[in-house]
Every structure is written in structure tokens, then in C-alpha cells.
Amino acid sequence: EDVLLHTINGKEYITQERLKSEVSRALKQAGGRLALVELPALLGVDLVHCEKQASALVSEGKGSILEAQGELITTQYFD
């Protein structure tokens, strides 16, 4: 069962899986490097939820996504 998360405006809900997908998409659109503090403004979801899904992406990424000094960085960013 997936948990529904409130958006910042309180008018919408998003699942954790969808949020993880949105974090991944935002990272790709940013060219492979994105500060975690930018995610709430981009996605409309509280930073706590964004950080949790970012950590899940790092764990599932098998080394292709890193978290360093409050930023998500993909290995493609370094290429």
C-alpha cells in the first residue's frame, strides 16, 4: 500500500512512488546535479518527503546517483 503525501498547497496528493519518479525527472532536467533544497519549489512537496525519496533513489541507483553536501549528482554529470 502506497502512502499519499500532501502537496505544499494542500489541494493535491501524490504517492511516494510518483514523488520518487518526479525527483528523478527533476534531476535529469537539471543536467544531473540538483540541490535538495530546490525540490520543494519544483515539486510542490515538503522537503522532508523529497529528501526521503532522494535517499531511496540513491539506494536504488547502485552508484549511479550520489548524494553529497545536500545535492543529488548523477555519474553522467561528470562525463
C-alpha atoms as a PDB file:
ATOM      1  CA  GLU A   1       0.000   0.000   0.000  1.00  0.00           C
ATOM      2  CA  ASP A   2       1.391   3.356  -1.048  1.00  0.00           C
ATOM      3  CA  VAL A   3       1.079   6.329   1.279  1.00  0.00           C
ATOM      4  CA  LEU A   4      -0.456   9.549  -0.039  1.00  0.00           C
ATOM      5  CA  LEU A   5       1.522  12.709   0.703  1.00  0.00           C
ATOM      6  CA  HIS A   6       0.041  16.204   0.844  1.00  0.00           C
ATOM      7  CA  THR A   7       1.435  18.808  -1.503  1.00  0.00           C
ATOM      8  CA  ILE A   8       2.536  22.144  -0.076  1.00  0.00           C
ATOM      9  CA  ASN A   9      -0.664  23.876  -1.179  1.00  0.00           C
ATOM     10  CA  GLY A  10      -2.749  21.144   0.475  1.00  0.00           C
ATOM     11  CA  LYS A  11      -5.006  20.808  -2.561  1.00  0.00           C
ATOM     12  CA  GLU A  12      -3.389  17.739  -4.092  1.00  0.00           C
ATOM     13  CA  TYR A  13      -1.912  14.419  -3.075  1.00  0.00           C
ATOM     14  CA  ILE A  14       0.993  12.456  -4.504  1.00  0.00           C
ATOM     15  CA  THR A  15       2.148   8.895  -3.895  1.00  0.00           C
ATOM     16  CA  GLN A  16       5.667   8.169  -2.705  1.00  0.00           C
ATOM     17  CA  GLU A  17       6.403   6.273  -5.933  1.00  0.00           C
ATOM     18  CA  ARG A  18       5.244   9.213  -8.043  1.00  0.00           C
ATOM     19  CA  LEU A  19       7.323  11.609  -5.945  1.00  0.00           C
ATOM     20  CA  LYS A  20      10.401   9.423  -6.442  1.00  0.00           C
ATOM     21  CA  SER A  21       9.749   9.489 -10.184  1.00  0.00           C
ATOM     22  CA  GLU A  22       9.355  13.286 -10.085  1.00  0.00           C
ATOM     23  CA  VAL A  23      12.630  13.689  -8.148  1.00  0.00           C
ATOM     24  CA  SER A  24      14.389  11.557 -10.759  1.00  0.00           C
ATOM     25  CA  ARG A  25      12.872  13.588 -13.595  1.00  0.00           C
ATOM     26  CA  ALA A  26      13.869  16.896 -11.952  1.00  0.00           C
ATOM     27  CA  LEU A  27      17.427  15.602 -11.548  1.00  0.00           C
ATOM     28  CA  LYS A  28      17.623  14.690 -15.240  1.00  0.00           C
ATOM     29  CA  GLN A  29      16.169  18.053 -16.284  1.00  0.00           C
ATOM     30  CA  ALA A  30      18.753  19.830 -14.132  1.00  0.00           C
ATOM     31  CA  GLY A  31      21.551  18.140 -16.072  1.00  0.00           C
ATOM     32  CA  GLY A  32      22.443  15.612 -13.411  1.00  0.00           C
ATOM     33  CA  ARG A  33      23.104  17.929 -10.469  1.00  0.00           C
ATOM     34  CA  LEU A  34      20.387  19.305  -8.217  1.00  0.00           C
ATOM     35  CA  ALA A  35      20.328  20.793  -4.721  1.00  0.00           C
ATOM     36  CA  LEU A  36      17.837  19.029  -2.458  1.00  0.00           C
ATOM     37  CA  VAL A  37      16.545  22.392  -1.191  1.00  0.00           C
ATOM     38  CA  GLU A  38      15.303  23.186  -4.720  1.00  0.00           C
ATOM     39  CA  LEU A  39      12.974  20.182  -4.811  1.00  0.00           C
ATOM     40  CA  PRO A  40      10.069  21.586  -2.724  1.00  0.00           C
ATOM     41  CA  ALA A  41       9.691  24.584  -5.059  1.00  0.00           C
ATOM     42  CA  LEU A  42       9.978  22.384  -8.150  1.00  0.00           C
ATOM     43  CA  LEU A  43       7.674  19.595  -6.996  1.00  0.00           C
ATOM     44  CA  GLY A  44       5.365  21.294  -4.503  1.00  0.00           C
ATOM     45  CA  VAL A  45       6.075  18.755  -1.752  1.00  0.00           C
ATOM     46  CA  ASP A  46       7.693  19.308   1.670  1.00  0.00           C
ATOM     47  CA  LEU A  47      11.477  18.933   1.843  1.00  0.00           C
ATOM     48  CA  VAL A  48      11.252  16.021   4.301  1.00  0.00           C
ATOM     49  CA  HIS A  49       9.369  13.911   1.750  1.00  0.00           C
ATOM     50  CA  CYS A  50      11.691  14.981  -1.076  1.00  0.00           C
ATOM     51  CA  GLU A  51      14.774  14.029   0.948  1.00  0.00           C
ATOM     52  CA  LYS A  52      13.304  10.615   1.765  1.00  0.00           C
ATOM     53  CA  GLN A  53      12.650   9.818  -1.894  1.00  0.00           C
ATOM     54  CA  ALA A  54      16.050  11.211  -2.913  1.00  0.00           C
ATOM     55  CA  SER A  55      17.682   8.823  -0.438  1.00  0.00           C
ATOM     56  CA  ALA A  56      15.647   5.968  -1.930  1.00  0.00           C
ATOM     57  CA  LEU A  57      16.901   6.911  -5.412  1.00  0.00           C
ATOM     58  CA  VAL A  58      20.491   6.911  -4.169  1.00  0.00           C
ATOM     59  CA  SER A  59      19.998   3.478  -2.582  1.00  0.00           C
ATOM     60  CA  GLU A  60      18.366   2.027  -5.683  1.00  0.00           C
ATOM     61  CA  GLY A  61      20.781   3.722  -8.089  1.00  0.00           C
ATOM     62  CA  LYS A  62      23.623   1.270  -7.408  1.00  0.00           C
ATOM     63  CA  GLY A  63      26.211   4.026  -7.553  1.00  0.00           C
ATOM     64  CA  SER A  64      24.760   5.954 -10.499  1.00  0.00           C
ATOM     65  CA  ILE A  65      23.296   8.651  -8.206  1.00  0.00           C
ATOM     66  CA  LEU A  66      25.238  10.187  -5.328  1.00  0.00           C
ATOM     67  CA  GLU A  67      24.199  12.497  -2.522  1.00  0.00           C
ATOM     68  CA  ALA A  68      26.913  14.936  -1.499  1.00  0.00           C
ATOM     69  CA  GLN A  69      26.679  18.150   0.518  1.00  0.00           C
ATOM     70  CA  GLY A  70      22.934  18.456   0.058  1.00  0.00           C
ATOM     71  CA  GLU A  71      22.972  17.776  -3.668  1.00  0.00           C
ATOM     72  CA  LEU A  72      21.998  14.869  -5.868  1.00  0.00           C
ATOM     73  CA  ILE A  73      24.573  14.165  -8.556  1.00  0.00           C
ATOM     74  CA  THR A  74      24.430  11.544 -11.282  1.00  0.00           C
ATOM     75  CA  THR A  75      27.547   9.898 -12.664  1.00  0.00           C
ATOM     76  CA  GLN A  76      26.602  11.288 -16.108  1.00  0.00           C
ATOM     77  CA  TYR A  77      27.110  14.786 -14.679  1.00  0.00           C
ATOM     78  CA  PHE A  78      30.844  14.088 -14.513  1.00  0.00           C
ATOM     79  CA  ASP A  79      31.065  12.931 -18.149  1.00  0.00           C
END
